[in-house]
Amino acid sequence: MQEVVRVTVIPRREMVVVVNAGLEALCRLRKTPQEDAKRLQLAVEEVFLYALSTIKTSKHNADISARFRVHDDGFQVVIEYPGIRGPLDHYLRADHLHLLQVKTFEALGLCIARKLMDSLEARYWPQEGINSYVLSLNAPAGKGDTAPTES
């Protein structure tokens, strides 16, 4: 996987538009089928909102980054932020999403995102204190995953 774009935004709900605009432009450049592009955008939006919810709950005003990676016709989008782990992350780390009871909008959003993608995984980089959510479509899950780097 080659990282081609990184976007960092303030932790506000409306900033998901900026992230998705970048993703839409990249999909257009790569001639990604519109169905795949829309699936990516919706999944990224749901994971972004989950990350935002975790940041707001923790009272830690961390920026959110989206890293766009490409390989052949595959995509990975990595949503990350510094701070505490999300309350539902353990369902994503061990692919136990089927055990998640959908009682919140965040839980529903993660279920939707996982259904739309080939994989959705949560990772925590303790040394850096960074949470990463890796969304893969037409790409091997976790392939080329490295710890986040400062922008």
N, C-alpha and C. Protein backbone atom coordinates (compact mmCIF):
# COMPACT_ATOMS: atom_id res chain seq x y z
N MET A 1 0.84 -1.19 0.00
CA MET A 1 0.00 0.00 0.00
C MET A 1 0.87 1.24 0.00
N GLN A 2 0.51 2.17 -0.82
CA GLN A 2 1.23 3.43 -0.90
C GLN A 2 0.31 4.54 -0.41
N GLU A 3 0.77 5.31 0.57
CA GLU A 3 -0.01 6.45 1.04
C GLU A 3 0.14 7.57 0.02
N VAL A 4 -1.00 8.09 -0.45
CA VAL A 4 -0.96 9.13 -1.47
C VAL A 4 -1.47 10.47 -0.97
N VAL A 5 -2.30 10.47 0.05
CA VAL A 5 -2.85 11.72 0.57
C VAL A 5 -3.09 11.56 2.07
N ARG A 6 -2.89 12.66 2.80
CA ARG A 6 -3.25 12.71 4.22
C ARG A 6 -3.95 14.03 4.47
N VAL A 7 -5.09 13.94 5.13
CA VAL A 7 -5.88 15.13 5.47
C VAL A 7 -6.05 15.14 6.98
N THR A 8 -5.78 16.28 7.61
CA THR A 8 -5.97 16.42 9.05
C THR A 8 -6.95 17.55 9.29
N VAL A 9 -7.97 17.26 10.10
CA VAL A 9 -9.02 18.24 10.36
C VAL A 9 -9.27 18.38 11.86
N ILE A 10 -9.88 19.47 12.23
CA ILE A 10 -10.26 19.67 13.62
C ILE A 10 -11.42 18.73 13.95
N PRO A 11 -11.60 18.38 15.22
CA PRO A 11 -12.63 17.41 15.58
C PRO A 11 -14.03 18.04 15.64
N ARG A 12 -14.57 18.29 14.46
CA ARG A 12 -15.93 18.82 14.35
C ARG A 12 -16.68 18.02 13.32
N ARG A 13 -17.93 17.80 13.59
CA ARG A 13 -18.79 16.95 12.75
C ARG A 13 -18.77 17.36 11.28
N GLU A 14 -18.81 18.66 11.02
CA GLU A 14 -18.88 19.11 9.63
C GLU A 14 -17.59 18.87 8.85
N MET A 15 -16.52 18.55 9.52
CA MET A 15 -15.24 18.31 8.84
C MET A 15 -15.22 16.99 8.07
N VAL A 16 -16.21 16.13 8.32
CA VAL A 16 -16.30 14.89 7.56
C VAL A 16 -16.49 15.20 6.07
N VAL A 17 -17.07 16.35 5.77
CA VAL A 17 -17.27 16.78 4.38
C VAL A 17 -15.91 16.99 3.69
N VAL A 18 -14.97 17.54 4.41
CA VAL A 18 -13.63 17.78 3.87
C VAL A 18 -12.94 16.45 3.56
N VAL A 19 -13.03 15.53 4.51
CA VAL A 19 -12.41 14.21 4.33
C VAL A 19 -13.04 13.50 3.14
N ASN A 20 -14.35 13.50 3.07
CA ASN A 20 -15.03 12.81 1.98
C ASN A 20 -14.81 13.49 0.63
N ALA A 21 -14.63 14.80 0.61
CA ALA A 21 -14.34 15.48 -0.65
C ALA A 21 -12.98 15.03 -1.19
N GLY A 22 -12.01 14.89 -0.30
CA GLY A 22 -10.70 14.38 -0.70
C GLY A 22 -10.79 12.96 -1.23
N LEU A 23 -11.55 12.14 -0.54
CA LEU A 23 -11.73 10.75 -0.98
C LEU A 23 -12.44 10.68 -2.32
N GLU A 24 -13.46 11.50 -2.50
CA GLU A 24 -14.20 11.54 -3.76
C GLU A 24 -13.28 11.94 -4.92
N ALA A 25 -12.45 12.95 -4.70
CA ALA A 25 -11.53 13.41 -5.74
C ALA A 25 -10.51 12.32 -6.08
N LEU A 26 -10.00 11.64 -5.07
CA LEU A 26 -9.04 10.56 -5.32
C LEU A 26 -9.70 9.41 -6.08
N CYS A 27 -10.92 9.08 -5.72
CA CYS A 27 -11.64 8.02 -6.44
C CYS A 27 -11.86 8.39 -7.91
N ARG A 28 -12.18 9.67 -8.14
CA ARG A 28 -12.37 10.13 -9.53
C ARG A 28 -11.07 10.02 -10.32
N LEU A 29 -9.98 10.45 -9.69
CA LEU A 29 -8.66 10.37 -10.33
C LEU A 29 -8.29 8.93 -10.70
N ARG A 30 -8.62 8.01 -9.81
CA ARG A 30 -8.27 6.60 -10.02
C ARG A 30 -9.33 5.84 -10.82
N LYS A 31 -10.37 6.55 -11.23
CA LYS A 31 -11.46 5.95 -12.01
C LYS A 31 -12.10 4.78 -11.26
N THR A 32 -12.28 4.97 -9.96
CA THR A 32 -12.93 3.97 -9.12
C THR A 32 -14.41 3.92 -9.48
N PRO A 33 -14.97 2.73 -9.62
CA PRO A 33 -16.41 2.65 -9.90
C PRO A 33 -17.21 3.44 -8.86
N GLN A 34 -18.24 4.12 -9.32
CA GLN A 34 -19.01 5.00 -8.44
C GLN A 34 -19.59 4.23 -7.24
N GLU A 35 -20.01 3.02 -7.44
CA GLU A 35 -20.54 2.22 -6.32
C GLU A 35 -19.49 2.03 -5.23
N ASP A 36 -18.26 1.71 -5.61
CA ASP A 36 -17.18 1.56 -4.64
C ASP A 36 -16.86 2.88 -3.95
N ALA A 37 -16.85 3.96 -4.73
CA ALA A 37 -16.56 5.28 -4.16
C ALA A 37 -17.60 5.67 -3.11
N LYS A 38 -18.86 5.43 -3.40
CA LYS A 38 -19.93 5.76 -2.45
C LYS A 38 -19.84 4.88 -1.20
N ARG A 39 -19.52 3.61 -1.38
CA ARG A 39 -19.34 2.71 -0.22
C ARG A 39 -18.21 3.21 0.67
N LEU A 40 -17.09 3.59 0.05
CA LEU A 40 -15.95 4.13 0.81
C LEU A 40 -16.35 5.38 1.57
N GLN A 41 -17.03 6.29 0.91
CA GLN A 41 -17.41 7.54 1.54
C GLN A 41 -18.33 7.33 2.75
N LEU A 42 -19.31 6.47 2.60
CA LEU A 42 -20.24 6.24 3.71
C LEU A 42 -19.51 5.56 4.87
N ALA A 43 -18.68 4.58 4.59
CA ALA A 43 -17.95 3.89 5.65
C ALA A 43 -16.99 4.84 6.37
N VAL A 44 -16.29 5.67 5.60
CA VAL A 44 -15.37 6.64 6.20
C VAL A 44 -16.14 7.62 7.08
N GLU A 45 -17.29 8.06 6.62
CA GLU A 45 -18.11 8.98 7.41
C GLU A 45 -18.50 8.36 8.74
N GLU A 46 -18.93 7.10 8.73
CA GLU A 46 -19.35 6.44 9.97
C GLU A 46 -18.19 6.28 10.94
N VAL A 47 -17.03 5.90 10.45
CA VAL A 47 -15.87 5.73 11.33
C VAL A 47 -15.38 7.09 11.83
N PHE A 48 -15.40 8.09 10.99
CA PHE A 48 -15.03 9.45 11.40
C PHE A 48 -15.92 9.91 12.55
N LEU A 49 -17.23 9.70 12.43
CA LEU A 49 -18.16 10.14 13.46
C LEU A 49 -17.96 9.37 14.76
N TYR A 50 -17.61 8.10 14.65
CA TYR A 50 -17.29 7.30 15.85
C TYR A 50 -16.04 7.86 16.53
N ALA A 51 -15.00 8.15 15.76
CA ALA A 51 -13.77 8.73 16.32
C ALA A 51 -14.08 10.07 16.98
N LEU A 52 -14.88 10.88 16.31
CA LEU A 52 -15.27 12.18 16.85
C LEU A 52 -16.01 12.02 18.18
N SER A 53 -16.91 11.07 18.25
CA SER A 53 -17.65 10.80 19.48
C SER A 53 -16.71 10.42 20.62
N THR A 54 -15.71 9.61 20.32
CA THR A 54 -14.74 9.21 21.35
C THR A 54 -13.93 10.41 21.81
N ILE A 55 -13.51 11.24 20.88
CA ILE A 55 -12.73 12.44 21.23
C ILE A 55 -13.57 13.36 22.13
N LYS A 56 -14.81 13.59 21.75
CA LYS A 56 -15.68 14.48 22.53
C LYS A 56 -15.93 13.93 23.93
N THR A 57 -16.11 12.62 24.05
CA THR A 57 -16.34 11.98 25.34
C THR A 57 -15.13 12.12 26.25
N SER A 58 -13.94 12.04 25.65
CA SER A 58 -12.71 12.09 26.44
C SER A 58 -12.31 13.50 26.83
N LYS A 59 -12.96 14.50 26.27
CA LYS A 59 -12.63 15.90 26.52
C LYS A 59 -11.22 16.25 26.03
N HIS A 60 -10.65 15.41 25.17
CA HIS A 60 -9.32 15.66 24.60
C HIS A 60 -9.55 16.19 23.19
N ASN A 61 -9.16 17.41 22.92
CA ASN A 61 -9.47 18.06 21.65
C ASN A 61 -8.43 17.72 20.57
N ALA A 62 -8.36 16.47 20.18
CA ALA A 62 -7.37 16.00 19.22
C ALA A 62 -7.86 16.14 17.79
N ASP A 63 -6.96 16.47 16.88
CA ASP A 63 -7.30 16.49 15.46
C ASP A 63 -7.48 15.06 14.96
N ILE A 64 -8.22 14.93 13.87
CA ILE A 64 -8.46 13.63 13.23
C ILE A 64 -7.78 13.66 11.87
N SER A 65 -7.02 12.60 11.58
CA SER A 65 -6.37 12.48 10.27
C SER A 65 -6.99 11.35 9.48
N ALA A 66 -7.02 11.53 8.19
CA ALA A 66 -7.43 10.47 7.26
C ALA A 66 -6.27 10.27 6.30
N ARG A 67 -5.76 9.06 6.27
CA ARG A 67 -4.67 8.72 5.34
C ARG A 67 -5.27 7.83 4.26
N PHE A 68 -5.07 8.22 3.02
CA PHE A 68 -5.58 7.46 1.89
C PHE A 68 -4.44 6.66 1.27
N ARG A 69 -4.61 5.36 1.20
CA ARG A 69 -3.60 4.47 0.62
C ARG A 69 -4.21 3.75 -0.57
N VAL A 70 -3.38 3.48 -1.57
CA VAL A 70 -3.86 2.79 -2.76
C VAL A 70 -2.91 1.65 -3.13
N HIS A 71 -3.47 0.67 -3.82
CA HIS A 71 -2.71 -0.46 -4.34
C HIS A 71 -3.55 -1.09 -5.45
N ASP A 72 -3.01 -1.10 -6.66
CA ASP A 72 -3.76 -1.60 -7.81
C ASP A 72 -5.14 -0.95 -7.82
N ASP A 73 -6.23 -1.75 -7.73
CA ASP A 73 -7.57 -1.14 -7.69
C ASP A 73 -8.11 -1.08 -6.26
N GLY A 74 -7.23 -1.31 -5.27
CA GLY A 74 -7.66 -1.33 -3.87
C GLY A 74 -7.41 -0.02 -3.14
N PHE A 75 -8.16 0.16 -2.09
CA PHE A 75 -8.06 1.34 -1.23
C PHE A 75 -7.94 0.92 0.22
N GLN A 76 -7.21 1.68 0.97
CA GLN A 76 -7.28 1.66 2.42
C GLN A 76 -7.41 3.10 2.86
N VAL A 77 -8.28 3.32 3.82
CA VAL A 77 -8.39 4.61 4.44
C VAL A 77 -8.13 4.39 5.92
N VAL A 78 -7.21 5.16 6.48
CA VAL A 78 -6.88 5.04 7.89
C VAL A 78 -7.32 6.33 8.58
N ILE A 79 -8.28 6.19 9.49
CA ILE A 79 -8.75 7.31 10.29
C ILE A 79 -8.01 7.20 11.62
N GLU A 80 -7.37 8.29 12.06
CA GLU A 80 -6.63 8.19 13.32
C GLU A 80 -6.65 9.50 14.09
N TYR A 81 -6.43 9.35 15.39
CA TYR A 81 -6.39 10.50 16.30
C TYR A 81 -5.62 10.09 17.55
N PRO A 82 -4.98 11.06 18.21
CA PRO A 82 -4.32 10.76 19.48
C PRO A 82 -5.34 10.77 20.62
N GLY A 83 -5.12 9.93 21.61
CA GLY A 83 -6.01 9.93 22.77
C GLY A 83 -6.43 8.54 23.18
N ILE A 84 -7.54 8.48 23.90
CA ILE A 84 -8.00 7.21 24.44
C ILE A 84 -8.61 6.33 23.36
N ARG A 85 -8.65 5.04 23.65
CA ARG A 85 -9.31 4.10 22.73
C ARG A 85 -10.81 4.32 22.77
N GLY A 86 -11.44 3.99 21.65
CA GLY A 86 -12.88 4.09 21.58
C GLY A 86 -13.54 2.97 22.37
N PRO A 87 -14.74 3.19 22.89
CA PRO A 87 -15.40 2.19 23.72
C PRO A 87 -15.79 0.92 22.97
N LEU A 88 -15.85 0.96 21.66
CA LEU A 88 -16.24 -0.21 20.86
C LEU A 88 -15.06 -0.83 20.12
N ASP A 89 -13.86 -0.33 20.35
CA ASP A 89 -12.68 -0.79 19.60
C ASP A 89 -12.43 -2.28 19.73
N HIS A 90 -12.69 -2.85 20.90
CA HIS A 90 -12.40 -4.28 21.07
C HIS A 90 -13.22 -5.16 20.13
N TYR A 91 -14.35 -4.66 19.67
CA TYR A 91 -15.14 -5.42 18.68
C TYR A 91 -14.47 -5.42 17.31
N LEU A 92 -13.70 -4.38 17.04
CA LEU A 92 -13.05 -4.26 15.74
C LEU A 92 -11.67 -4.92 15.72
N ARG A 93 -10.97 -4.92 16.83
CA ARG A 93 -9.63 -5.51 16.87
C ARG A 93 -9.66 -7.01 16.60
N ALA A 94 -10.59 -7.70 17.18
CA ALA A 94 -10.62 -9.16 17.06
C ALA A 94 -11.70 -9.63 16.09
N ASP A 95 -12.21 -8.73 15.28
CA ASP A 95 -13.29 -9.03 14.34
C ASP A 95 -14.47 -9.69 15.06
N HIS A 96 -14.84 -9.09 16.16
CA HIS A 96 -15.99 -9.56 16.94
C HIS A 96 -17.19 -8.64 16.77
N LEU A 97 -17.26 -7.98 15.65
CA LEU A 97 -18.35 -7.02 15.43
C LEU A 97 -19.71 -7.70 15.54
N HIS A 98 -19.78 -8.98 15.22
CA HIS A 98 -21.06 -9.69 15.30
C HIS A 98 -21.57 -9.79 16.74
N LEU A 99 -20.70 -9.57 17.73
CA LEU A 99 -21.09 -9.61 19.14
C LEU A 99 -21.63 -8.26 19.64
N LEU A 100 -21.43 -7.23 18.83
CA LEU A 100 -21.83 -5.89 19.23
C LEU A 100 -23.34 -5.76 19.23
N GLN A 101 -23.88 -5.26 20.33
CA GLN A 101 -25.31 -4.97 20.40
C GLN A 101 -25.51 -3.54 19.93
N VAL A 102 -26.36 -3.38 18.96
CA VAL A 102 -26.57 -2.06 18.36
C VAL A 102 -27.55 -1.27 19.21
N LYS A 103 -26.97 -0.53 20.18
CA LYS A 103 -27.78 0.27 21.08
C LYS A 103 -27.51 1.76 20.95
N THR A 104 -26.52 2.10 20.13
CA THR A 104 -26.17 3.51 19.93
C THR A 104 -25.98 3.78 18.44
N PHE A 105 -26.00 5.06 18.09
CA PHE A 105 -25.74 5.43 16.70
C PHE A 105 -24.32 5.06 16.29
N GLU A 106 -23.37 5.18 17.24
CA GLU A 106 -21.98 4.83 16.94
C GLU A 106 -21.86 3.35 16.60
N ALA A 107 -22.52 2.50 17.38
CA ALA A 107 -22.48 1.05 17.13
C ALA A 107 -23.12 0.73 15.78
N LEU A 108 -24.24 1.35 15.48
CA LEU A 108 -24.89 1.14 14.19
C LEU A 108 -23.97 1.58 13.05
N GLY A 109 -23.34 2.74 13.22
CA GLY A 109 -22.43 3.25 12.20
C GLY A 109 -21.27 2.31 11.93
N LEU A 110 -20.69 1.73 12.99
CA LEU A 110 -19.58 0.78 12.80
C LEU A 110 -20.06 -0.48 12.08
N CYS A 111 -21.25 -0.94 12.42
CA CYS A 111 -21.80 -2.12 11.73
C CYS A 111 -22.01 -1.84 10.24
N ILE A 112 -22.52 -0.66 9.93
CA ILE A 112 -22.72 -0.27 8.53
C ILE A 112 -21.37 -0.20 7.82
N ALA A 113 -20.40 0.46 8.45
CA ALA A 113 -19.07 0.61 7.83
C ALA A 113 -18.45 -0.76 7.57
N ARG A 114 -18.55 -1.67 8.51
CA ARG A 114 -17.96 -3.00 8.34
C ARG A 114 -18.63 -3.77 7.21
N LYS A 115 -19.96 -3.64 7.10
CA LYS A 115 -20.70 -4.33 6.02
C LYS A 115 -20.30 -3.80 4.64
N LEU A 116 -19.96 -2.52 4.56
CA LEU A 116 -19.62 -1.90 3.29
C LEU A 116 -18.20 -2.21 2.83
N MET A 117 -17.31 -2.49 3.78
CA MET A 117 -15.89 -2.70 3.48
C MET A 117 -15.53 -4.18 3.48
N ASP A 118 -14.38 -4.50 2.89
CA ASP A 118 -13.87 -5.86 2.99
C ASP A 118 -13.38 -6.13 4.40
N SER A 119 -12.82 -5.09 5.04
CA SER A 119 -12.43 -5.22 6.44
C SER A 119 -12.42 -3.86 7.11
N LEU A 120 -12.59 -3.89 8.42
CA LEU A 120 -12.52 -2.71 9.27
C LEU A 120 -11.87 -3.17 10.56
N GLU A 121 -10.72 -2.60 10.86
CA GLU A 121 -9.98 -2.99 12.05
C GLU A 121 -9.59 -1.76 12.86
N ALA A 122 -9.56 -1.94 14.18
CA ALA A 122 -9.07 -0.90 15.08
C ALA A 122 -7.69 -1.31 15.57
N ARG A 123 -6.79 -0.36 15.60
CA ARG A 123 -5.44 -0.60 16.14
C ARG A 123 -5.09 0.54 17.08
N TYR A 124 -4.33 0.21 18.10
CA TYR A 124 -3.85 1.24 19.02
C TYR A 124 -2.34 1.15 19.07
N TRP A 125 -1.68 2.28 18.88
CA TRP A 125 -0.23 2.36 18.91
C TRP A 125 0.16 2.99 20.24
N PRO A 126 0.44 2.17 21.26
CA PRO A 126 0.65 2.71 22.61
C PRO A 126 1.81 3.68 22.73
N GLN A 127 2.89 3.44 22.03
CA GLN A 127 4.05 4.32 22.14
C GLN A 127 3.71 5.73 21.67
N GLU A 128 2.92 5.82 20.61
CA GLU A 128 2.53 7.12 20.07
C GLU A 128 1.22 7.62 20.68
N GLY A 129 0.45 6.72 21.31
CA GLY A 129 -0.86 7.09 21.84
C GLY A 129 -1.86 7.42 20.75
N ILE A 130 -1.78 6.67 19.63
CA ILE A 130 -2.62 6.94 18.46
C ILE A 130 -3.59 5.78 18.23
N ASN A 131 -4.84 6.13 17.98
CA ASN A 131 -5.87 5.16 17.58
C ASN A 131 -5.97 5.18 16.07
N SER A 132 -6.01 4.00 15.46
CA SER A 132 -6.15 3.91 14.01
C SER A 132 -7.30 2.98 13.67
N TYR A 133 -8.08 3.37 12.68
CA TYR A 133 -9.15 2.55 12.15
C TYR A 133 -8.85 2.34 10.67
N VAL A 134 -8.61 1.10 10.28
CA VAL A 134 -8.18 0.78 8.92
C VAL A 134 -9.37 0.19 8.17
N LEU A 135 -9.81 0.90 7.14
CA LEU A 135 -10.90 0.46 6.29
C LEU A 135 -10.30 0.00 4.97
N SER A 136 -10.58 -1.23 4.56
CA SER A 136 -10.00 -1.77 3.33
C SER A 136 -11.10 -2.17 2.36
N LEU A 137 -10.87 -1.82 1.10
CA LEU A 137 -11.77 -2.21 0.01
C LEU A 137 -10.91 -2.66 -1.16
N ASN A 138 -11.11 -3.88 -1.60
CA ASN A 138 -10.32 -4.47 -2.68
C ASN A 138 -8.83 -4.44 -2.37
N ALA A 139 -8.49 -4.53 -1.10
CA ALA A 139 -7.09 -4.48 -0.67
C ALA A 139 -6.92 -5.43 0.51
N PRO A 140 -5.76 -6.04 0.63
CA PRO A 140 -5.54 -6.93 1.77
C PRO A 140 -5.59 -6.14 3.09
N ALA A 141 -6.32 -6.67 4.06
CA ALA A 141 -6.43 -6.02 5.37
C ALA A 141 -5.08 -6.00 6.05
N GLY A 142 -4.74 -4.86 6.63
CA GLY A 142 -3.51 -4.75 7.41
C GLY A 142 -2.24 -4.74 6.61
N LYS A 143 -2.32 -4.92 5.30
CA LYS A 143 -1.12 -4.98 4.46
C LYS A 143 -0.41 -3.64 4.47
N GLY A 144 0.85 -3.66 4.85
CA GLY A 144 1.64 -2.44 4.84
C GLY A 144 1.36 -1.52 6.00
N ASP A 145 0.66 -2.03 7.03
CA ASP A 145 0.35 -1.19 8.18
C ASP A 145 1.61 -0.85 8.96
N THR A 146 1.76 0.41 9.20
CA THR A 146 2.87 0.89 10.01
C THR A 146 2.32 1.87 11.02
N ALA A 147 3.11 2.12 12.05
CA ALA A 147 2.69 3.09 13.04
C ALA A 147 2.53 4.44 12.38
N PRO A 148 1.62 5.24 12.90
CA PRO A 148 1.41 6.56 12.31
C PRO A 148 2.64 7.43 12.45
N THR A 149 2.76 8.38 11.53
CA THR A 149 3.87 9.32 11.59
C THR A 149 3.31 10.71 11.73
N GLU A 150 4.09 11.59 12.31
CA GLU A 150 3.64 12.97 12.47
C GLU A 150 3.55 13.64 11.10
N SER A 151 2.56 14.51 10.94
CA SER A 151 2.43 15.21 9.67
C SER A 151 3.31 16.42 9.63
